Amino acid sequence: MQTLVRKHPFHLVTPSPWPFLISLGAGLQIPVGAVIYMHGLTSHGAAIILWGILVWLLLAFLWWTDVIIEGTFQGMHTQPVQRGLRFGFILFIVSEVMFFFSFFWAFFHSSLAPTIQIGSIWPPMGILPFNPWGVPLANTYILLTSGLTITAAHHYLMAGNYVRTWVSFVLTILLAFSFTLLQGLEYVEAPFTIADSVYGSVFFMATGFHGAHVIIGTLFIAFCFARFVKHHFTRTHHVGFECAAWYWHFVDVVWLFLFVSIYWWGSY
């Protein structure tokens, strides 16, 4: 009987239905529901979006479960595979940089040469911008502090200090939740809406998508915390947590640009 011997360190993924099904939900059901909801075509647009998100989350959970089993229990994530995962995640972050670059381009295009339609001034006539030294500054402190705590969690994990890693994880999650709570309160008290000229559109698109990334990053870190509690990570095998930390630092940097350009410079 002939046995097959693997002559390379790479993981050849078995066929999986999850990527195809997730692409259907993210690229078809959720956008279609959003279009139906925004145009008021039927009264079921919000329900379609909600079901699309729930199905997407279920499929993502099943997919991530397979990846965790492959990497943690089956030993498929060798060092070369981990390098590939890191490189792939770096490319993903580069694509996210391009995504937010488009918002900053729209902001500076409109603010550096304001058109006559908005009164040839920036902020446009009738817009009362936020005070950057209130909630925005507090959120800046919160997010930068969370960047320090997630870095500390990574440092203590590599040092083998379980208790300090646990504390750093919890502090990061609490700070992330505080940021989202303050931004939600800021939106409730906003003196303008997304429909108030190009200022409102750019402001809520940029800060809103950043807020969505904060929520995603919080879930990412919370998921890694649950895996850490279950002892899935070691000093040399924690690529999932590394990706979560990189993602969170990306969120920090984007917020700094948002604070300086839109909140601070754009309010004068």
C-alpha atoms as a PDB file:
ATOM      1  CA  MET A   1       0.000   0.000   0.000  1.00  0.00           C
ATOM      2  CA  GLN A   2       1.469   3.326  -1.080  1.00  0.00           C
ATOM      3  CA  THR A   3       1.305   6.252   1.340  1.00  0.00           C
ATOM      4  CA  LEU A   4       1.286   9.842   0.172  1.00  0.00           C
ATOM      5  CA  VAL A   5       4.030  11.976   1.679  1.00  0.00           C
ATOM      6  CA  ARG A   6       3.623  15.747   1.550  1.00  0.00           C
ATOM      7  CA  LYS A   7       6.843  17.253   0.207  1.00  0.00           C
ATOM      8  CA  HIS A   8       6.045  20.897   0.948  1.00  0.00           C
ATOM      9  CA  PRO A   9       5.056  22.924   4.053  1.00  0.00           C
ATOM     10  CA  PHE A  10       2.034  24.596   2.460  1.00  0.00           C
ATOM     11  CA  HIS A  11      -1.623  24.036   3.248  1.00  0.00           C
ATOM     12  CA  LEU A  12      -3.717  23.026   0.223  1.00  0.00           C
ATOM     13  CA  VAL A  13      -7.204  24.054   1.265  1.00  0.00           C
ATOM     14  CA  THR A  14      -9.986  21.548   0.665  1.00  0.00           C
ATOM     15  CA  PRO A  15     -13.018  22.764  -1.326  1.00  0.00           C
ATOM     16  CA  SER A  16     -15.314  24.859   0.868  1.00  0.00           C
ATOM     17  CA  PRO A  17     -18.783  26.315   0.139  1.00  0.00           C
ATOM     18  CA  TRP A  18     -18.387  29.234   2.563  1.00  0.00           C
ATOM     19  CA  PRO A  19     -16.525  31.761   0.347  1.00  0.00           C
ATOM     20  CA  PHE A  20     -19.081  31.382  -2.463  1.00  0.00           C
ATOM     21  CA  LEU A  21     -22.088  31.631  -0.122  1.00  0.00           C
ATOM     22  CA  ILE A  22     -20.631  34.623   1.728  1.00  0.00           C
ATOM     23  CA  SER A  23     -19.984  36.401  -1.578  1.00  0.00           C
ATOM     24  CA  LEU A  24     -23.640  35.900  -2.502  1.00  0.00           C
ATOM     25  CA  GLY A  25     -24.770  37.432   0.782  1.00  0.00           C
ATOM     26  CA  ALA A  26     -22.300  40.324   0.802  1.00  0.00           C
ATOM     27  CA  GLY A  27     -22.511  41.067  -2.923  1.00  0.00           C
ATOM     28  CA  LEU A  28     -26.166  40.333  -3.639  1.00  0.00           C
ATOM     29  CA  GLN A  29     -28.603  40.116  -0.752  1.00  0.00           C
ATOM     30  CA  ILE A  30     -27.307  42.967   1.425  1.00  0.00           C
ATOM     31  CA  PRO A  31     -26.793  45.502  -1.447  1.00  0.00           C
ATOM     32  CA  VAL A  32     -30.163  44.585  -3.024  1.00  0.00           C
ATOM     33  CA  GLY A  33     -31.863  45.028   0.341  1.00  0.00           C
ATOM     34  CA  ALA A  34     -30.101  48.374   0.812  1.00  0.00           C
ATOM     35  CA  VAL A  35     -31.269  49.618  -2.603  1.00  0.00           C
ATOM     36  CA  ILE A  36     -34.826  48.470  -1.926  1.00  0.00           C
ATOM     37  CA  TYR A  37     -34.795  50.133   1.488  1.00  0.00           C
ATOM     38  CA  MET A  38     -33.284  53.451   0.354  1.00  0.00           C
ATOM     39  CA  HIS A  39     -35.615  53.781  -2.637  1.00  0.00           C
ATOM     40  CA  GLY A  40     -38.679  52.620  -0.718  1.00  0.00           C
ATOM     41  CA  LEU A  41     -39.605  50.035  -3.352  1.00  0.00           C
ATOM     42  CA  THR A  42     -41.221  47.769  -0.763  1.00  0.00           C
ATOM     43  CA  SER A  43     -41.704  47.712   2.983  1.00  0.00           C
ATOM     44  CA  HIS A  44     -39.370  44.712   3.325  1.00  0.00           C
ATOM     45  CA  GLY A  45     -36.066  46.383   2.494  1.00  0.00           C
ATOM     46  CA  ALA A  46     -34.889  46.588   6.111  1.00  0.00           C
ATOM     47  CA  ALA A  47     -35.855  42.952   6.708  1.00  0.00           C
ATOM     48  CA  ILE A  48     -33.867  41.849   3.656  1.00  0.00           C
ATOM     49  CA  ILE A  49     -30.801  43.723   4.918  1.00  0.00           C
ATOM     50  CA  LEU A  50     -31.186  42.258   8.419  1.00  0.00           C
ATOM     51  CA  TRP A  51     -31.548  38.705   7.165  1.00  0.00           C
ATOM     52  CA  GLY A  52     -28.609  39.197   4.817  1.00  0.00           C
ATOM     53  CA  ILE A  53     -26.401  40.362   7.692  1.00  0.00           C
ATOM     54  CA  LEU A  54     -27.508  37.491   9.951  1.00  0.00           C
ATOM     55  CA  VAL A  55     -26.895  34.894   7.232  1.00  0.00           C
ATOM     56  CA  TRP A  56     -23.527  36.508   6.444  1.00  0.00           C
ATOM     57  CA  LEU A  57     -22.491  36.350  10.101  1.00  0.00           C
ATOM     58  CA  LEU A  58     -23.555  32.687  10.357  1.00  0.00           C
ATOM     59  CA  LEU A  59     -21.590  31.737   7.252  1.00  0.00           C
ATOM     60  CA  ALA A  60     -18.578  33.729   8.441  1.00  0.00           C
ATOM     61  CA  PHE A  61     -18.703  31.906  11.766  1.00  0.00           C
ATOM     62  CA  LEU A  62     -18.758  28.542  10.000  1.00  0.00           C
ATOM     63  CA  TRP A  63     -15.875  29.563   7.742  1.00  0.00           C
ATOM     64  CA  TRP A  64     -13.777  30.892  10.625  1.00  0.00           C
ATOM     65  CA  THR A  65     -14.484  27.693  12.559  1.00  0.00           C
ATOM     66  CA  ASP A  66     -12.984  25.666   9.722  1.00  0.00           C
ATOM     67  CA  VAL A  67      -9.927  27.923   9.598  1.00  0.00           C
ATOM     68  CA  ILE A  68      -9.411  27.632  13.368  1.00  0.00           C
ATOM     69  CA  ILE A  69      -9.686  23.854  13.204  1.00  0.00           C
ATOM     70  CA  GLU A  70      -7.148  23.731  10.358  1.00  0.00           C
ATOM     71  CA  GLY A  71      -4.669  26.054  12.020  1.00  0.00           C
ATOM     72  CA  THR A  72      -5.057  25.179  15.712  1.00  0.00           C
ATOM     73  CA  PHE A  73      -5.970  21.504  15.867  1.00  0.00           C
ATOM     74  CA  GLN A  74      -4.786  20.072  12.549  1.00  0.00           C
ATOM     75  CA  GLY A  75      -1.455  21.918  12.425  1.00  0.00           C
ATOM     76  CA  MET A  76      -1.972  23.141   8.851  1.00  0.00           C
ATOM     77  CA  HIS A  77      -0.720  26.673   9.511  1.00  0.00           C
ATOM     78  CA  THR A  78       3.015  26.101   9.286  1.00  0.00           C
ATOM     79  CA  GLN A  79       5.480  28.984   9.334  1.00  0.00           C
ATOM     80  CA  PRO A  80       5.373  29.459   5.525  1.00  0.00           C
ATOM     81  CA  VAL A  81       1.575  29.412   5.651  1.00  0.00           C
ATOM     82  CA  GLN A  82       1.591  32.004   8.440  1.00  0.00           C
ATOM     83  CA  ARG A  83       3.840  34.250   6.348  1.00  0.00           C
ATOM     84  CA  GLY A  84       1.383  33.958   3.496  1.00  0.00           C
ATOM     85  CA  LEU A  85      -1.529  34.824   5.784  1.00  0.00           C
ATOM     86  CA  ARG A  86       0.311  37.886   7.078  1.00  0.00           C
ATOM     87  CA  PHE A  87       1.151  39.053   3.566  1.00  0.00           C
ATOM     88  CA  GLY A  88      -2.450  38.561   2.458  1.00  0.00           C
ATOM     89  CA  PHE A  89      -3.725  40.581   5.404  1.00  0.00           C
ATOM     90  CA  ILE A  90      -1.256  43.365   4.633  1.00  0.00           C
ATOM     91  CA  LEU A  91      -2.680  43.529   1.105  1.00  0.00           C
ATOM     92  CA  PHE A  92      -6.167  43.707   2.608  1.00  0.00           C
ATOM     93  CA  ILE A  93      -5.133  46.669   4.774  1.00  0.00           C
ATOM     94  CA  VAL A  94      -3.654  48.365   1.689  1.00  0.00           C
ATOM     95  CA  SER A  95      -7.044  48.005  -0.015  1.00  0.00           C
ATOM     96  CA  GLU A  96      -8.669  49.567   3.060  1.00  0.00           C
ATOM     97  CA  VAL A  97      -6.224  52.486   2.833  1.00  0.00           C
ATOM     98  CA  MET A  98      -7.388  53.087  -0.742  1.00  0.00           C
ATOM     99  CA  PHE A  99     -10.999  52.924   0.438  1.00  0.00           C
ATOM    100  CA  PHE A 100     -10.547  55.698   2.990  1.00  0.00           C
ATOM    101  CA  PHE A 101      -8.290  57.643   0.621  1.00  0.00           C
ATOM    102  CA  SER A 102     -11.346  58.199  -1.570  1.00  0.00           C
ATOM    103  CA  PHE A 103     -13.185  59.878   1.312  1.00  0.00           C
ATOM    104  CA  PHE A 104     -10.265  62.178   2.084  1.00  0.00           C
ATOM    105  CA  TRP A 105      -9.986  63.009  -1.619  1.00  0.00           C
ATOM    106  CA  ALA A 106     -13.668  63.999  -1.667  1.00  0.00           C
ATOM    107  CA  PHE A 107     -13.223  66.065   1.487  1.00  0.00           C
ATOM    108  CA  PHE A 108     -10.200  68.054   0.310  1.00  0.00           C
ATOM    109  CA  HIS A 109     -11.623  68.416  -3.203  1.00  0.00           C
ATOM    110  CA  SER A 110     -14.671  70.121  -1.691  1.00  0.00           C
ATOM    111  CA  SER A 111     -12.977  72.056   1.120  1.00  0.00           C
ATOM    112  CA  LEU A 112      -9.892  73.474  -0.603  1.00  0.00           C
ATOM    113  CA  ALA A 113     -11.933  75.025  -3.422  1.00  0.00           C
ATOM    114  CA  PRO A 114     -15.543  75.353  -2.206  1.00  0.00           C
ATOM    115  CA  THR A 115     -17.973  76.016  -5.029  1.00  0.00           C
ATOM    116  CA  ILE A 116     -20.519  78.801  -5.257  1.00  0.00           C
ATOM    117  CA  GLN A 117     -23.313  76.278  -4.597  1.00  0.00           C
ATOM    118  CA  ILE A 118     -22.170  76.011  -0.972  1.00  0.00           C
ATOM    119  CA  GLY A 119     -21.428  79.719  -0.588  1.00  0.00           C
ATOM    120  CA  SER A 120     -17.757  79.525  -1.630  1.00  0.00           C
ATOM    121  CA  ILE A 121     -16.798  78.931   2.004  1.00  0.00           C
ATOM    122  CA  TRP A 122     -15.939  75.930   4.151  1.00  0.00           C
ATOM    123  CA  PRO A 123     -17.757  74.757   6.186  1.00  0.00           C
ATOM    124  CA  PRO A 124     -20.725  75.558   3.934  1.00  0.00           C
ATOM    125  CA  MET A 125     -23.276  78.156   4.898  1.00  0.00           C
ATOM    126  CA  GLY A 126     -25.719  76.905   7.519  1.00  0.00           C
ATOM    127  CA  ILE A 127     -23.412  74.132   8.798  1.00  0.00           C
ATOM    128  CA  LEU A 128     -22.428  74.213  12.464  1.00  0.00           C
ATOM    129  CA  PRO A 129     -19.447  71.822  12.781  1.00  0.00           C
ATOM    130  CA  PHE A 130     -18.512  69.896  15.907  1.00  0.00           C
ATOM    131  CA  ASN A 131     -16.132  71.311  18.458  1.00  0.00           C
ATOM    132  CA  PRO A 132     -12.999  69.198  17.860  1.00  0.00           C
ATOM    133  CA  TRP A 133     -11.844  69.654  21.473  1.00  0.00           C
ATOM    134  CA  GLY A 134     -14.878  67.925  22.960  1.00  0.00           C
ATOM    135  CA  VAL A 135     -15.995  64.394  22.136  1.00  0.00           C
ATOM    136  CA  PRO A 136     -13.656  64.048  19.101  1.00  0.00           C
ATOM    137  CA  LEU A 137     -10.594  64.761  21.252  1.00  0.00           C
ATOM    138  CA  ALA A 138     -11.824  62.376  23.954  1.00  0.00           C
ATOM    139  CA  ASN A 139     -12.313  59.671  21.343  1.00  0.00           C
ATOM    140  CA  THR A 140      -8.787  60.338  20.087  1.00  0.00           C
ATOM    141  CA  TYR A 141      -7.376  59.692  23.551  1.00  0.00           C
ATOM    142  CA  ILE A 142      -9.521  56.570  23.900  1.00  0.00           C
ATOM    143  CA  LEU A 143      -8.494  55.103  20.548  1.00  0.00           C
ATOM    144  CA  LEU A 144      -4.786  55.857  20.989  1.00  0.00           C
ATOM    145  CA  THR A 145      -4.892  54.304  24.455  1.00  0.00           C
ATOM    146  CA  SER A 146      -6.546  51.203  23.020  1.00  0.00           C
ATOM    147  CA  GLY A 147      -3.676  51.005  20.537  1.00  0.00           C
ATOM    148  CA  LEU A 148      -1.273  50.889  23.486  1.00  0.00           C
ATOM    149  CA  THR A 149      -3.275  48.197  25.286  1.00  0.00           C
ATOM    150  CA  ILE A 150      -3.526  45.946  22.219  1.00  0.00           C
ATOM    151  CA  THR A 151       0.243  46.309  21.743  1.00  0.00           C
ATOM    152  CA  ALA A 152       0.734  45.424  25.406  1.00  0.00           C
ATOM    153  CA  ALA A 153      -1.462  42.341  24.957  1.00  0.00           C
ATOM    154  CA  HIS A 154       0.744  41.221  22.077  1.00  0.00           C
ATOM    155  CA  HIS A 155       3.905  41.865  24.094  1.00  0.00           C
ATOM    156  CA  TYR A 156       2.657  39.967  27.147  1.00  0.00           C
ATOM    157  CA  LEU A 157       1.408  37.091  24.981  1.00  0.00           C
ATOM    158  CA  MET A 158       4.870  36.670  23.478  1.00  0.00           C
ATOM    159  CA  ALA A 159       6.353  36.922  26.997  1.00  0.00           C
ATOM    160  CA  GLY A 160       4.040  34.174  28.244  1.00  0.00           C
ATOM    161  CA  ASN A 161       2.312  36.364  30.855  1.00  0.00           C
ATOM    162  CA  TYR A 162      -1.285  35.099  30.849  1.00  0.00           C
ATOM    163  CA  VAL A 163      -2.735  37.474  33.444  1.00  0.00           C
ATOM    164  CA  ARG A 164      -1.381  40.697  31.903  1.00  0.00           C
ATOM    165  CA  THR A 165      -2.406  39.553  28.429  1.00  0.00           C
ATOM    166  CA  TRP A 166      -5.931  38.938  29.738  1.00  0.00           C
ATOM    167  CA  VAL A 167      -6.089  42.381  31.369  1.00  0.00           C
ATOM    168  CA  SER A 168      -4.772  44.109  28.233  1.00  0.00           C
ATOM    169  CA  PHE A 169      -7.369  42.340  26.103  1.00  0.00           C
ATOM    170  CA  VAL A 170     -10.210  43.415  28.399  1.00  0.00           C
ATOM    171  CA  LEU A 171      -8.999  47.022  28.534  1.00  0.00           C
ATOM    172  CA  THR A 172      -8.806  47.166  24.732  1.00  0.00           C
ATOM    173  CA  ILE A 173     -12.359  45.856  24.345  1.00  0.00           C
ATOM    174  CA  LEU A 174     -13.706  48.291  26.954  1.00  0.00           C
ATOM    175  CA  LEU A 175     -11.951  51.240  25.311  1.00  0.00           C
ATOM    176  CA  ALA A 176     -13.244  50.199  21.890  1.00  0.00           C
ATOM    177  CA  PHE A 177     -16.792  49.977  23.233  1.00  0.00           C
ATOM    178  CA  SER A 178     -16.408  53.407  24.840  1.00  0.00           C
ATOM    179  CA  PHE A 179     -15.316  54.911  21.521  1.00  0.00           C
ATOM    180  CA  THR A 180     -18.365  53.495  19.734  1.00  0.00           C
ATOM    181  CA  LEU A 181     -20.688  54.702  22.498  1.00  0.00           C
ATOM    182  CA  LEU A 182     -19.316  58.256  22.368  1.00  0.00           C
ATOM    183  CA  GLN A 183     -19.497  58.377  18.584  1.00  0.00           C
ATOM    184  CA  GLY A 184     -23.103  57.167  18.708  1.00  0.00           C
ATOM    185  CA  LEU A 185     -23.969  59.928  21.175  1.00  0.00           C
ATOM    186  CA  GLU A 186     -22.181  62.429  18.921  1.00  0.00           C
ATOM    187  CA  TYR A 187     -24.328  61.341  15.984  1.00  0.00           C
ATOM    188  CA  VAL A 188     -27.498  61.723  18.037  1.00  0.00           C
ATOM    189  CA  GLU A 189     -26.527  65.288  18.978  1.00  0.00           C
ATOM    190  CA  ALA A 190     -25.263  66.230  15.489  1.00  0.00           C
ATOM    191  CA  PRO A 191     -26.618  69.639  14.311  1.00  0.00           C
ATOM    192  CA  PHE A 192     -26.552  68.464  10.675  1.00  0.00           C
ATOM    193  CA  THR A 193     -27.399  65.301   8.730  1.00  0.00           C
ATOM    194  CA  ILE A 194     -25.893  63.334   5.866  1.00  0.00           C
ATOM    195  CA  ALA A 195     -28.235  65.239   3.517  1.00  0.00           C
ATOM    196  CA  ASP A 196     -26.874  68.670   4.517  1.00  0.00           C
ATOM    197  CA  SER A 197     -24.634  69.571   1.578  1.00  0.00           C
ATOM    198  CA  VAL A 198     -21.358  67.899   0.711  1.00  0.00           C
ATOM    199  CA  TYR A 199     -20.074  68.547   4.242  1.00  0.00           C
ATOM    200  CA  GLY A 200     -22.684  66.318   5.845  1.00  0.00           C
ATOM    201  CA  SER A 201     -22.246  63.651   3.187  1.00  0.00           C
ATOM    202  CA  VAL A 202     -18.456  63.462   3.497  1.00  0.00           C
ATOM    203  CA  PHE A 203     -18.523  63.738   7.291  1.00  0.00           C
ATOM    204  CA  PHE A 204     -20.962  60.914   7.906  1.00  0.00           C
ATOM    205  CA  MET A 205     -19.563  58.685   5.153  1.00  0.00           C
ATOM    206  CA  ALA A 206     -15.986  58.995   6.434  1.00  0.00           C
ATOM    207  CA  THR A 207     -16.679  58.857  10.172  1.00  0.00           C
ATOM    208  CA  GLY A 208     -19.499  56.346   9.730  1.00  0.00           C
ATOM    209  CA  PHE A 209     -17.387  53.864   7.808  1.00  0.00           C
ATOM    210  CA  HIS A 210     -14.597  54.376  10.327  1.00  0.00           C
ATOM    211  CA  GLY A 211     -17.090  53.628  13.091  1.00  0.00           C
ATOM    212  CA  ALA A 212     -18.118  50.467  11.249  1.00  0.00           C
ATOM    213  CA  HIS A 213     -14.461  49.451  11.089  1.00  0.00           C
ATOM    214  CA  VAL A 214     -14.148  50.082  14.824  1.00  0.00           C
ATOM    215  CA  ILE A 215     -17.097  47.748  15.461  1.00  0.00           C
ATOM    216  CA  ILE A 216     -15.591  45.098  13.181  1.00  0.00           C
ATOM    217  CA  GLY A 217     -12.207  45.503  14.873  1.00  0.00           C
ATOM    218  CA  THR A 218     -13.835  45.200  18.304  1.00  0.00           C
ATOM    219  CA  LEU A 219     -15.490  41.926  17.276  1.00  0.00           C
ATOM    220  CA  PHE A 220     -12.179  40.773  15.802  1.00  0.00           C
ATOM    221  CA  ILE A 221     -10.342  41.437  19.066  1.00  0.00           C
ATOM    222  CA  ALA A 222     -13.146  39.938  21.172  1.00  0.00           C
ATOM    223  CA  PHE A 223     -13.014  36.799  19.032  1.00  0.00           C
ATOM    224  CA  CYS A 224      -9.238  36.620  19.549  1.00  0.00           C
ATOM    225  CA  PHE A 225      -9.762  37.114  23.283  1.00  0.00           C
ATOM    226  CA  ALA A 226     -12.125  34.133  23.362  1.00  0.00           C
ATOM    227  CA  ARG A 227      -9.521  32.066  21.523  1.00  0.00           C
ATOM    228  CA  PHE A 228      -6.834  33.254  23.936  1.00  0.00           C
ATOM    229  CA  VAL A 229      -8.932  32.139  26.915  1.00  0.00           C
ATOM    230  CA  LYS A 230      -9.267  28.717  25.260  1.00  0.00           C
ATOM    231  CA  HIS A 231      -5.462  28.570  24.856  1.00  0.00           C
ATOM    232  CA  HIS A 232      -5.470  28.621  21.050  1.00  0.00           C
ATOM    233  CA  PHE A 233      -2.496  30.985  20.931  1.00  0.00           C
ATOM    234  CA  THR A 234       1.137  30.329  21.755  1.00  0.00           C
ATOM    235  CA  ARG A 235       4.188  32.578  21.761  1.00  0.00           C
ATOM    236  CA  THR A 236       5.028  31.638  18.174  1.00  0.00           C
ATOM    237  CA  HIS A 237       1.601  30.737  16.778  1.00  0.00           C
ATOM    238  CA  HIS A 238      -0.889  33.617  17.008  1.00  0.00           C
ATOM    239  CA  VAL A 239      -1.200  34.978  13.478  1.00  0.00           C
ATOM    240  CA  GLY A 240      -4.928  35.640  13.967  1.00  0.00           C
ATOM    241  CA  PHE A 241      -4.215  37.956  16.874  1.00  0.00           C
ATOM    242  CA  GLU A 242      -1.407  39.663  14.949  1.00  0.00           C
ATOM    243  CA  CYS A 243      -3.848  40.450  12.146  1.00  0.00           C
ATOM    244  CA  ALA A 244      -6.359  41.823  14.663  1.00  0.00           C
ATOM    245  CA  ALA A 245      -3.680  44.087  16.172  1.00  0.00           C
ATOM    246  CA  TRP A 246      -2.613  45.343  12.726  1.00  0.00           C
ATOM    247  CA  TYR A 247      -6.222  46.050  11.837  1.00  0.00           C
ATOM    248  CA  TRP A 248      -6.697  47.997  15.061  1.00  0.00           C
ATOM    249  CA  HIS A 249      -3.596  50.100  14.469  1.00  0.00           C
ATOM    250  CA  PHE A 250      -4.909  50.853  10.981  1.00  0.00           C
ATOM    251  CA  VAL A 251      -8.158  52.072  12.569  1.00  0.00           C
ATOM    252  CA  ASP A 252      -6.091  54.273  14.922  1.00  0.00           C
ATOM    253  CA  VAL A 253      -4.168  55.890  12.069  1.00  0.00           C
ATOM    254  CA  VAL A 254      -7.299  56.551  10.021  1.00  0.00           C
ATOM    255  CA  TRP A 255      -8.914  58.239  13.019  1.00  0.00           C
ATOM    256  CA  LEU A 256      -5.908  60.534  13.466  1.00  0.00           C
ATOM    257  CA  PHE A 257      -6.308  61.693   9.863  1.00  0.00           C
ATOM    258  CA  LEU A 258     -10.061  62.126  10.387  1.00  0.00           C
ATOM    259  CA  PHE A 259      -9.559  64.144  13.557  1.00  0.00           C
ATOM    260  CA  VAL A 260      -6.894  66.438  12.116  1.00  0.00           C
ATOM    261  CA  SER A 261      -8.517  67.011   8.723  1.00  0.00           C
ATOM    262  CA  ILE A 262     -12.299  66.818   9.157  1.00  0.00           C
ATOM    263  CA  TYR A 263     -12.823  67.662  12.841  1.00  0.00           C
ATOM    264  CA  TRP A 264      -9.995  70.143  13.430  1.00  0.00           C
ATOM    265  CA  TRP A 265      -8.877  71.746  10.154  1.00  0.00           C
ATOM    266  CA  GLY A 266     -12.265  71.350   8.456  1.00  0.00           C
ATOM    267  CA  SER A 267     -14.158  73.141  11.224  1.00  0.00           C
ATOM    268  CA  TYR A 268     -12.403  76.510  10.701  1.00  0.00           C
END
